Amino acid sequence: MTRPRLAVVGFGRLGGACATVLRDCRDLDLAGVVRHGKLTALPQPLEHVAVAGHLRDLEHVDAALICVPAEQALAVAREILQQRVPL
C-alpha cells in the first residue's frame, strides 16, 4: 500500500514545522513545499524536498496542508479545492 503524499503550502514557522514532521513520518510522504516567490532550496534538514511556486507543479499530491497566514487561508483553500485536492 502506498503512503499518502501531502504538500505543505506556505513555509513560515508552521509550514517548516509541518514539513519537518512529514519528512520523518512513517505513514505519510512529503510531496513538497509550495512557496510563492522563494523557489530556492529549503534549509537543512529539508534541502532535498521539492519546492514549487504552485501546487500543480508538484508530482502526485494526495492532500495539502495550508500553512499560510490566516488572512490568506481562505483564498488559498479555495484555489486548492478547485484543483480537487483535499485539505
PDB file of N, CA and C in Angstrom:
ATOM      1  N   MET A   1       0.845  -1.177   0.000  1.00  0.00           N
ATOM      2  CA  MET A   1       0.000   0.000   0.000  1.00  0.00           C
ATOM      3  C   MET A   1       0.892   1.243   0.000  1.00  0.00           C
ATOM      4  N   THR A   2       0.588   2.195  -0.857  1.00  0.00           N
ATOM      5  CA  THR A   2       1.385   3.416  -0.921  1.00  0.00           C
ATOM      6  C   THR A   2       0.942   4.400   0.156  1.00  0.00           C
ATOM      7  N   ARG A   3       1.880   5.167   0.618  1.00  0.00           N
ATOM      8  CA  ARG A   3       1.586   6.163   1.641  1.00  0.00           C
ATOM      9  C   ARG A   3       1.039   7.422   0.981  1.00  0.00           C
ATOM     10  N   PRO A   4       0.053   8.071   1.609  1.00  0.00           N
ATOM     11  CA  PRO A   4      -0.469   9.326   1.072  1.00  0.00           C
ATOM     12  C   PRO A   4       0.631  10.393   1.009  1.00  0.00           C
ATOM     13  N   ARG A   5       0.610  11.184  -0.062  1.00  0.00           N
ATOM     14  CA  ARG A   5       1.604  12.252  -0.257  1.00  0.00           C
ATOM     15  C   ARG A   5       0.951  13.599   0.014  1.00  0.00           C
ATOM     16  N   LEU A   6       1.497  14.335   0.961  1.00  0.00           N
ATOM     17  CA  LEU A   6       0.966  15.633   1.351  1.00  0.00           C
ATOM     18  C   LEU A   6       1.914  16.745   0.945  1.00  0.00           C
ATOM     19  N   ALA A   7       1.346  17.842   0.482  1.00  0.00           N
ATOM     20  CA  ALA A   7       2.111  19.046   0.178  1.00  0.00           C
ATOM     21  C   ALA A   7       1.881  20.045   1.304  1.00  0.00           C
ATOM     22  N   VAL A   8       2.896  20.812   1.609  1.00  0.00           N
ATOM     23  CA  VAL A   8       2.799  21.888   2.591  1.00  0.00           C
ATOM     24  C   VAL A   8       2.763  23.199   1.816  1.00  0.00           C
ATOM     25  N   VAL A   9       1.690  23.959   1.999  1.00  0.00           N
ATOM     26  CA  VAL A   9       1.530  25.233   1.298  1.00  0.00           C
ATOM     27  C   VAL A   9       1.857  26.345   2.284  1.00  0.00           C
ATOM     28  N   GLY A  10       2.977  26.999   2.056  1.00  0.00           N
ATOM     29  CA  GLY A  10       3.481  28.032   2.959  1.00  0.00           C
ATOM     30  C   GLY A  10       4.670  27.486   3.724  1.00  0.00           C
ATOM     31  N   PHE A  11       5.666  28.337   3.951  1.00  0.00           N
ATOM     32  CA  PHE A  11       6.854  27.844   4.634  1.00  0.00           C
ATOM     33  C   PHE A  11       7.364  28.854   5.652  1.00  0.00           C
ATOM     34  N   GLY A  12       6.466  29.262   6.525  1.00  0.00           N
ATOM     35  CA  GLY A  12       6.862  30.066   7.683  1.00  0.00           C
ATOM     36  C   GLY A  12       7.168  29.114   8.829  1.00  0.00           C
ATOM     37  N   ARG A  13       6.918  29.559  10.044  1.00  0.00           N
ATOM     38  CA  ARG A  13       7.176  28.681  11.208  1.00  0.00           C
ATOM     39  C   ARG A  13       6.302  27.430  11.175  1.00  0.00           C
ATOM     40  N   LEU A  14       5.005  27.602  10.906  1.00  0.00           N
ATOM     41  CA  LEU A  14       4.098  26.456  10.872  1.00  0.00           C
ATOM     42  C   LEU A  14       4.416  25.523   9.708  1.00  0.00           C
ATOM     43  N   GLY A  15       4.611  26.068   8.523  1.00  0.00           N
ATOM     44  CA  GLY A  15       4.933  25.250   7.358  1.00  0.00           C
ATOM     45  C   GLY A  15       6.234  24.491   7.529  1.00  0.00           C
ATOM     46  N   GLY A  16       7.229  25.147   8.090  1.00  0.00           N
ATOM     47  CA  GLY A  16       8.509  24.487   8.334  1.00  0.00           C
ATOM     48  C   GLY A  16       8.377  23.340   9.328  1.00  0.00           C
ATOM     49  N   ALA A  17       7.601  23.566  10.383  1.00  0.00           N
ATOM     50  CA  ALA A  17       7.382  22.510  11.382  1.00  0.00           C
ATOM     51  C   ALA A  17       6.619  21.337  10.776  1.00  0.00           C
ATOM     52  N   CYS A  18       5.583  21.632   9.988  1.00  0.00           N
ATOM     53  CA  CYS A  18       4.805  20.557   9.348  1.00  0.00           C
ATOM     54  C   CYS A  18       5.666  19.762   8.369  1.00  0.00           C
ATOM     55  N   ALA A  19       6.477  20.460   7.581  1.00  0.00           N
ATOM     56  CA  ALA A  19       7.342  19.782   6.616  1.00  0.00           C
ATOM     57  C   ALA A  19       8.347  18.875   7.322  1.00  0.00           C
ATOM     58  N   THR A  20       8.900  19.342   8.415  1.00  0.00           N
ATOM     59  CA  THR A  20       9.866  18.535   9.171  1.00  0.00           C
ATOM     60  C   THR A  20       9.204  17.282   9.734  1.00  0.00           C
ATOM     61  N   VAL A  21       8.008  17.428  10.283  1.00  0.00           N
ATOM     62  CA  VAL A  21       7.290  16.269  10.839  1.00  0.00           C
ATOM     63  C   VAL A  21       6.942  15.278   9.726  1.00  0.00           C
ATOM     64  N   LEU A  22       6.451  15.781   8.595  1.00  0.00           N
ATOM     65  CA  LEU A  22       6.096  14.897   7.481  1.00  0.00           C
ATOM     66  C   LEU A  22       7.314  14.174   6.923  1.00  0.00           C
ATOM     67  N   ARG A  23       8.454  14.856   6.885  1.00  0.00           N
ATOM     68  CA  ARG A  23       9.681  14.243   6.374  1.00  0.00           C
ATOM     69  C   ARG A  23      10.055  13.014   7.209  1.00  0.00           C
ATOM     70  N   ASP A  24       9.790  13.073   8.502  1.00  0.00           N
ATOM     71  CA  ASP A  24      10.161  11.992   9.413  1.00  0.00           C
ATOM     72  C   ASP A  24       9.030  10.997   9.676  1.00  0.00           C
ATOM     73  N   CYS A  25       7.861  11.223   9.086  1.00  0.00           N
ATOM     74  CA  CYS A  25       6.684  10.385   9.346  1.00  0.00           C
ATOM     75  C   CYS A  25       6.759   9.060   8.581  1.00  0.00           C
ATOM     76  N   ARG A  26       6.378   7.996   9.241  1.00  0.00           N
ATOM     77  CA  ARG A  26       6.386   6.671   8.615  1.00  0.00           C
ATOM     78  C   ARG A  26       5.118   6.387   7.806  1.00  0.00           C
ATOM     79  N   ASP A  27       4.038   7.101   8.110  1.00  0.00           N
ATOM     80  CA  ASP A  27       2.745   6.820   7.490  1.00  0.00           C
ATOM     81  C   ASP A  27       2.391   7.758   6.338  1.00  0.00           C
ATOM     82  N   LEU A  28       3.109   8.871   6.210  1.00  0.00           N
ATOM     83  CA  LEU A  28       2.824   9.866   5.176  1.00  0.00           C
ATOM     84  C   LEU A  28       4.115  10.269   4.480  1.00  0.00           C
ATOM     85  N   ASP A  29       3.999  10.701   3.217  1.00  0.00           N
ATOM     86  CA  ASP A  29       5.152  11.211   2.469  1.00  0.00           C
ATOM     87  C   ASP A  29       4.980  12.704   2.246  1.00  0.00           C
ATOM     88  N   LEU A  30       6.081  13.413   2.250  1.00  0.00           N
ATOM     89  CA  LEU A  30       6.085  14.836   1.948  1.00  0.00           C
ATOM     90  C   LEU A  30       6.280  14.997   0.448  1.00  0.00           C
ATOM     91  N   ALA A  31       5.234  15.448  -0.243  1.00  0.00           N
ATOM     92  CA  ALA A  31       5.299  15.625  -1.695  1.00  0.00           C
ATOM     93  C   ALA A  31       6.126  16.842  -2.064  1.00  0.00           C
ATOM     94  N   GLY A  32       6.140  17.851  -1.216  1.00  0.00           N
ATOM     95  CA  GLY A  32       6.903  19.054  -1.470  1.00  0.00           C
ATOM     96  C   GLY A  32       6.309  20.239  -0.743  1.00  0.00           C
ATOM     97  N   VAL A  33       6.950  21.384  -0.944  1.00  0.00           N
ATOM     98  CA  VAL A  33       6.537  22.629  -0.305  1.00  0.00           C
ATOM     99  C   VAL A  33       6.208  23.644  -1.389  1.00  0.00           C
ATOM    100  N   VAL A  34       5.089  24.342  -1.216  1.00  0.00           N
ATOM    101  CA  VAL A  34       4.702  25.402  -2.145  1.00  0.00           C
ATOM    102  C   VAL A  34       5.043  26.733  -1.485  1.00  0.00           C
ATOM    103  N   ARG A  35       5.878  27.511  -2.178  1.00  0.00           N
ATOM    104  CA  ARG A  35       6.301  28.830  -1.700  1.00  0.00           C
ATOM    105  C   ARG A  35       6.117  29.827  -2.824  1.00  0.00           C
ATOM    106  N   HIS A  36       5.534  30.951  -2.548  1.00  0.00           N
ATOM    107  CA  HIS A  36       5.395  31.998  -3.562  1.00  0.00           C
ATOM    108  C   HIS A  36       6.613  32.906  -3.511  1.00  0.00           C
ATOM    109  N   GLY A  37       7.258  33.063  -4.644  1.00  0.00           N
ATOM    110  CA  GLY A  37       8.379  33.983  -4.751  1.00  0.00           C
ATOM    111  C   GLY A  37       9.734  33.417  -4.394  1.00  0.00           C
ATOM    112  N   LYS A  38       9.800  32.490  -3.447  1.00  0.00           N
ATOM    113  CA  LYS A  38      11.085  31.960  -2.993  1.00  0.00           C
ATOM    114  C   LYS A  38      11.217  30.501  -3.407  1.00  0.00           C
ATOM    115  N   LEU A  39      11.694  30.252  -4.599  1.00  0.00           N
ATOM    116  CA  LEU A  39      11.815  28.884  -5.085  1.00  0.00           C
ATOM    117  C   LEU A  39      13.214  28.336  -4.866  1.00  0.00           C
ATOM    118  N   THR A  40      13.913  28.880  -3.898  1.00  0.00           N
ATOM    119  CA  THR A  40      15.243  28.381  -3.570  1.00  0.00           C
ATOM    120  C   THR A  40      15.116  27.119  -2.731  1.00  0.00           C
ATOM    121  N   ALA A  41      16.220  26.411  -2.606  1.00  0.00           N
ATOM    122  CA  ALA A  41      16.232  25.183  -1.807  1.00  0.00           C
ATOM    123  C   ALA A  41      15.895  25.509  -0.352  1.00  0.00           C
ATOM    124  N   LEU A  42      15.302  24.553   0.314  1.00  0.00           N
ATOM    125  CA  LEU A  42      14.936  24.724   1.715  1.00  0.00           C
ATOM    126  C   LEU A  42      16.161  24.503   2.603  1.00  0.00           C
ATOM    127  N   PRO A  43      16.123  25.017   3.822  1.00  0.00           N
ATOM    128  CA  PRO A  43      17.247  24.813   4.739  1.00  0.00           C
ATOM    129  C   PRO A  43      17.319  23.367   5.223  1.00  0.00           C
ATOM    130  N   GLN A  44      18.462  22.998   5.765  1.00  0.00           N
ATOM    131  CA  GLN A  44      18.625  21.655   6.324  1.00  0.00           C
ATOM    132  C   GLN A  44      17.634  21.475   7.448  1.00  0.00           C
ATOM    133  N   PRO A  45      17.074  20.350   7.670  1.00  0.00           N
ATOM    134  CA  PRO A  45      17.272  19.051   7.026  1.00  0.00           C
ATOM    135  C   PRO A  45      16.320  18.804   5.855  1.00  0.00           C
ATOM    136  N   LEU A  46      15.755  19.843   5.279  1.00  0.00           N
ATOM    137  CA  LEU A  46      14.764  19.695   4.209  1.00  0.00           C
ATOM    138  C   LEU A  46      15.323  20.043   2.832  1.00  0.00           C
ATOM    139  N   GLU A  47      16.641  20.102   2.685  1.00  0.00           N
ATOM    140  CA  GLU A  47      17.256  20.573   1.443  1.00  0.00           C
ATOM    141  C   GLU A  47      16.919  19.727   0.220  1.00  0.00           C
ATOM    142  N   HIS A  48      16.482  18.485   0.400  1.00  0.00           N
ATOM    143  CA  HIS A  48      16.169  17.609  -0.733  1.00  0.00           C
ATOM    144  C   HIS A  48      14.677  17.559  -1.067  1.00  0.00           C
ATOM    145  N   VAL A  49      13.872  18.334  -0.363  1.00  0.00           N
ATOM    146  CA  VAL A  49      12.428  18.368  -0.583  1.00  0.00           C
ATOM    147  C   VAL A  49      12.126  19.259  -1.792  1.00  0.00           C
ATOM    148  N   ALA A  50      11.192  18.821  -2.624  1.00  0.00           N
ATOM    149  CA  ALA A  50      10.797  19.599  -3.804  1.00  0.00           C
ATOM    150  C   ALA A  50      10.144  20.914  -3.378  1.00  0.00           C
ATOM    151  N   VAL A  51      10.485  21.985  -4.100  1.00  0.00           N
ATOM    152  CA  VAL A  51       9.904  23.313  -3.853  1.00  0.00           C
ATOM    153  C   VAL A  51       9.247  23.772  -5.147  1.00  0.00           C
ATOM    154  N   ALA A  52       8.019  24.276  -5.037  1.00  0.00           N
ATOM    155  CA  ALA A  52       7.288  24.722  -6.218  1.00  0.00           C
ATOM    156  C   ALA A  52       6.597  26.046  -5.930  1.00  0.00           C
ATOM    157  N   GLY A  53       6.274  26.772  -6.984  1.00  0.00           N
ATOM    158  CA  GLY A  53       5.553  28.024  -6.853  1.00  0.00           C
ATOM    159  C   GLY A  53       4.047  27.827  -6.841  1.00  0.00           C
ATOM    160  N   HIS A  54       3.607  26.629  -7.228  1.00  0.00           N
ATOM    161  CA  HIS A  54       2.180  26.319  -7.279  1.00  0.00           C
ATOM    162  C   HIS A  54       1.991  24.834  -7.016  1.00  0.00           C
ATOM    163  N   LEU A  55       0.882  24.483  -6.419  1.00  0.00           N
ATOM    164  CA  LEU A  55       0.612  23.091  -6.064  1.00  0.00           C
ATOM    165  C   LEU A  55       0.633  22.175  -7.281  1.00  0.00           C
ATOM    166  N   ARG A  56       0.146  22.644  -8.429  1.00  0.00           N
ATOM    167  CA  ARG A  56       0.091  21.798  -9.624  1.00  0.00           C
ATOM    168  C   ARG A  56       1.483  21.435 -10.147  1.00  0.00           C
ATOM    169  N   ASP A  57       2.516  22.140  -9.679  1.00  0.00           N
ATOM    170  CA  ASP A  57       3.879  21.854 -10.111  1.00  0.00           C
ATOM    171  C   ASP A  57       4.524  20.697  -9.358  1.00  0.00           C
ATOM    172  N   LEU A  58       3.877  20.215  -8.309  1.00  0.00           N
ATOM    173  CA  LEU A  58       4.388  19.065  -7.562  1.00  0.00           C
ATOM    174  C   LEU A  58       3.778  17.785  -8.124  1.00  0.00           C
ATOM    175  N   GLU A  59       4.530  16.708  -8.053  1.00  0.00           N
ATOM    176  CA  GLU A  59       4.062  15.430  -8.588  1.00  0.00           C
ATOM    177  C   GLU A  59       3.239  14.661  -7.553  1.00  0.00           C
ATOM    178  N   HIS A  60       2.133  14.134  -7.998  1.00  0.00           N
ATOM    179  CA  HIS A  60       1.266  13.243  -7.228  1.00  0.00           C
ATOM    180  C   HIS A  60       1.029  13.719  -5.792  1.00  0.00           C
ATOM    181  N   VAL A  61       0.144  14.674  -5.646  1.00  0.00           N
ATOM    182  CA  VAL A  61      -0.229  15.199  -4.332  1.00  0.00           C
ATOM    183  C   VAL A  61      -1.607  14.659  -3.980  1.00  0.00           C
ATOM    184  N   ASP A  62      -1.704  13.971  -2.844  1.00  0.00           N
ATOM    185  CA  ASP A  62      -2.984  13.419  -2.400  1.00  0.00           C
ATOM    186  C   ASP A  62      -3.775  14.397  -1.546  1.00  0.00           C
ATOM    187  N   ALA A  63      -3.080  15.288  -0.839  1.00  0.00           N
ATOM    188  CA  ALA A  63      -3.734  16.275   0.018  1.00  0.00           C
ATOM    189  C   ALA A  63      -2.745  17.402   0.302  1.00  0.00           C
ATOM    190  N   ALA A  64      -3.271  18.506   0.808  1.00  0.00           N
ATOM    191  CA  ALA A  64      -2.416  19.657   1.105  1.00  0.00           C
ATOM    192  C   ALA A  64      -2.694  20.174   2.510  1.00  0.00           C
ATOM    193  N   LEU A  65      -1.642  20.650   3.145  1.00  0.00           N
ATOM    194  CA  LEU A  65      -1.753  21.325   4.432  1.00  0.00           C
ATOM    195  C   LEU A  65      -1.571  22.820   4.178  1.00  0.00           C
ATOM    196  N   ILE A  66      -2.523  23.616   4.604  1.00  0.00           N
ATOM    197  CA  ILE A  66      -2.434  25.060   4.407  1.00  0.00           C
ATOM    198  C   ILE A  66      -1.739  25.667   5.620  1.00  0.00           C
ATOM    199  N   CYS A  67      -0.574  26.237   5.390  1.00  0.00           N
ATOM    200  CA  CYS A  67       0.237  26.819   6.463  1.00  0.00           C
ATOM    201  C   CYS A  67       0.588  28.267   6.127  1.00  0.00           C
ATOM    202  N   VAL A  68      -0.417  29.028   5.762  1.00  0.00           N
ATOM    203  CA  VAL A  68      -0.235  30.443   5.403  1.00  0.00           C
ATOM    204  C   VAL A  68      -0.891  31.302   6.478  1.00  0.00           C
ATOM    205  N   PRO A  69      -0.609  32.600   6.489  1.00  0.00           N
ATOM    206  CA  PRO A  69      -1.288  33.482   7.453  1.00  0.00           C
ATOM    207  C   PRO A  69      -2.808  33.406   7.311  1.00  0.00           C
ATOM    208  N   ALA A  70      -3.496  33.607   8.414  1.00  0.00           N
ATOM    209  CA  ALA A  70      -4.957  33.452   8.465  1.00  0.00           C
ATOM    210  C   ALA A  70      -5.683  34.272   7.408  1.00  0.00           C
ATOM    211  N   GLU A  71      -5.211  35.481   7.144  1.00  0.00           N
ATOM    212  CA  GLU A  71      -5.908  36.336   6.171  1.00  0.00           C
ATOM    213  C   GLU A  71      -5.784  35.823   4.742  1.00  0.00           C
ATOM    214  N   GLN A  72      -4.857  34.911   4.479  1.00  0.00           N
ATOM    215  CA  GLN A  72      -4.676  34.332   3.150  1.00  0.00           C
ATOM    216  C   GLN A  72      -5.283  32.933   3.023  1.00  0.00           C
ATOM    217  N   ALA A  73      -5.626  32.321   4.148  1.00  0.00           N
ATOM    218  CA  ALA A  73      -6.023  30.914   4.169  1.00  0.00           C
ATOM    219  C   ALA A  73      -7.256  30.620   3.314  1.00  0.00           C
ATOM    220  N   LEU A  74      -8.268  31.459   3.350  1.00  0.00           N
ATOM    221  CA  LEU A  74      -9.495  31.203   2.592  1.00  0.00           C
ATOM    222  C   LEU A  74      -9.233  31.205   1.092  1.00  0.00           C
ATOM    223  N   ALA A  75      -8.486  32.173   0.605  1.00  0.00           N
ATOM    224  CA  ALA A  75      -8.182  32.234  -0.828  1.00  0.00           C
ATOM    225  C   ALA A  75      -7.338  31.046  -1.260  1.00  0.00           C
ATOM    226  N   VAL A  76      -6.373  30.669  -0.439  1.00  0.00           N
ATOM    227  CA  VAL A  76      -5.524  29.512  -0.762  1.00  0.00           C
ATOM    228  C   VAL A  76      -6.358  28.238  -0.754  1.00  0.00           C
ATOM    229  N   ALA A  77      -7.216  28.077   0.241  1.00  0.00           N
ATOM    230  CA  ALA A  77      -8.073  26.887   0.317  1.00  0.00           C
ATOM    231  C   ALA A  77      -8.992  26.794  -0.899  1.00  0.00           C
ATOM    232  N   ARG A  78      -9.578  27.910  -1.299  1.00  0.00           N
ATOM    233  CA  ARG A  78     -10.472  27.918  -2.458  1.00  0.00           C
ATOM    234  C   ARG A  78      -9.726  27.456  -3.712  1.00  0.00           C
ATOM    235  N   GLU A  79      -8.530  27.971  -3.922  1.00  0.00           N
ATOM    236  CA  GLU A  79      -7.738  27.611  -5.099  1.00  0.00           C
ATOM    237  C   GLU A  79      -7.368  26.116  -5.094  1.00  0.00           C
ATOM    238  N   ILE A  80      -6.996  25.610  -3.937  1.00  0.00           N
ATOM    239  CA  ILE A  80      -6.622  24.188  -3.856  1.00  0.00           C
ATOM    240  C   ILE A  80      -7.835  23.293  -4.059  1.00  0.00           C
ATOM    241  N   LEU A  81      -8.943  23.649  -3.460  1.00  0.00           N
ATOM    242  CA  LEU A  81     -10.159  22.847  -3.622  1.00  0.00           C
ATOM    243  C   LEU A  81     -10.652  22.856  -5.063  1.00  0.00           C
ATOM    244  N   GLN A  82     -10.438  23.949  -5.786  1.00  0.00           N
ATOM    245  CA  GLN A  82     -10.812  23.981  -7.201  1.00  0.00           C
ATOM    246  C   GLN A  82      -9.986  23.002  -8.023  1.00  0.00           C
ATOM    247  N   GLN A  83      -8.819  22.638  -7.532  1.00  0.00           N
ATOM    248  CA  GLN A  83      -7.993  21.640  -8.189  1.00  0.00           C
ATOM    249  C   GLN A  83      -8.362  20.222  -7.747  1.00  0.00           C
ATOM    250  N   ARG A  84      -9.371  20.135  -6.874  1.00  0.00           N
ATOM    251  CA  ARG A  84      -9.869  18.862  -6.357  1.00  0.00           C
ATOM    252  C   ARG A  84      -8.829  18.117  -5.523  1.00  0.00           C
ATOM    253  N   VAL A  85      -8.054  18.899  -4.770  1.00  0.00           N
ATOM    254  CA  VAL A  85      -7.083  18.332  -3.834  1.00  0.00           C
ATOM    255  C   VAL A  85      -7.644  18.513  -2.438  1.00  0.00           C
ATOM    256  N   PRO A  86      -7.780  17.437  -1.677  1.00  0.00           N
ATOM    257  CA  PRO A  86      -8.298  17.552  -0.303  1.00  0.00           C
ATOM    258  C   PRO A  86      -7.354  18.371   0.578  1.00  0.00           C
ATOM    259  N   LEU A  87      -7.958  18.998   1.593  1.00  0.00           N
ATOM    260  CA  LEU A  87      -7.173  19.784   2.557  1.00  0.00           C
ATOM    261  C   LEU A  87      -7.065  19.029   3.854  1.00  0.00           C
TER     262      LEU A  87
END
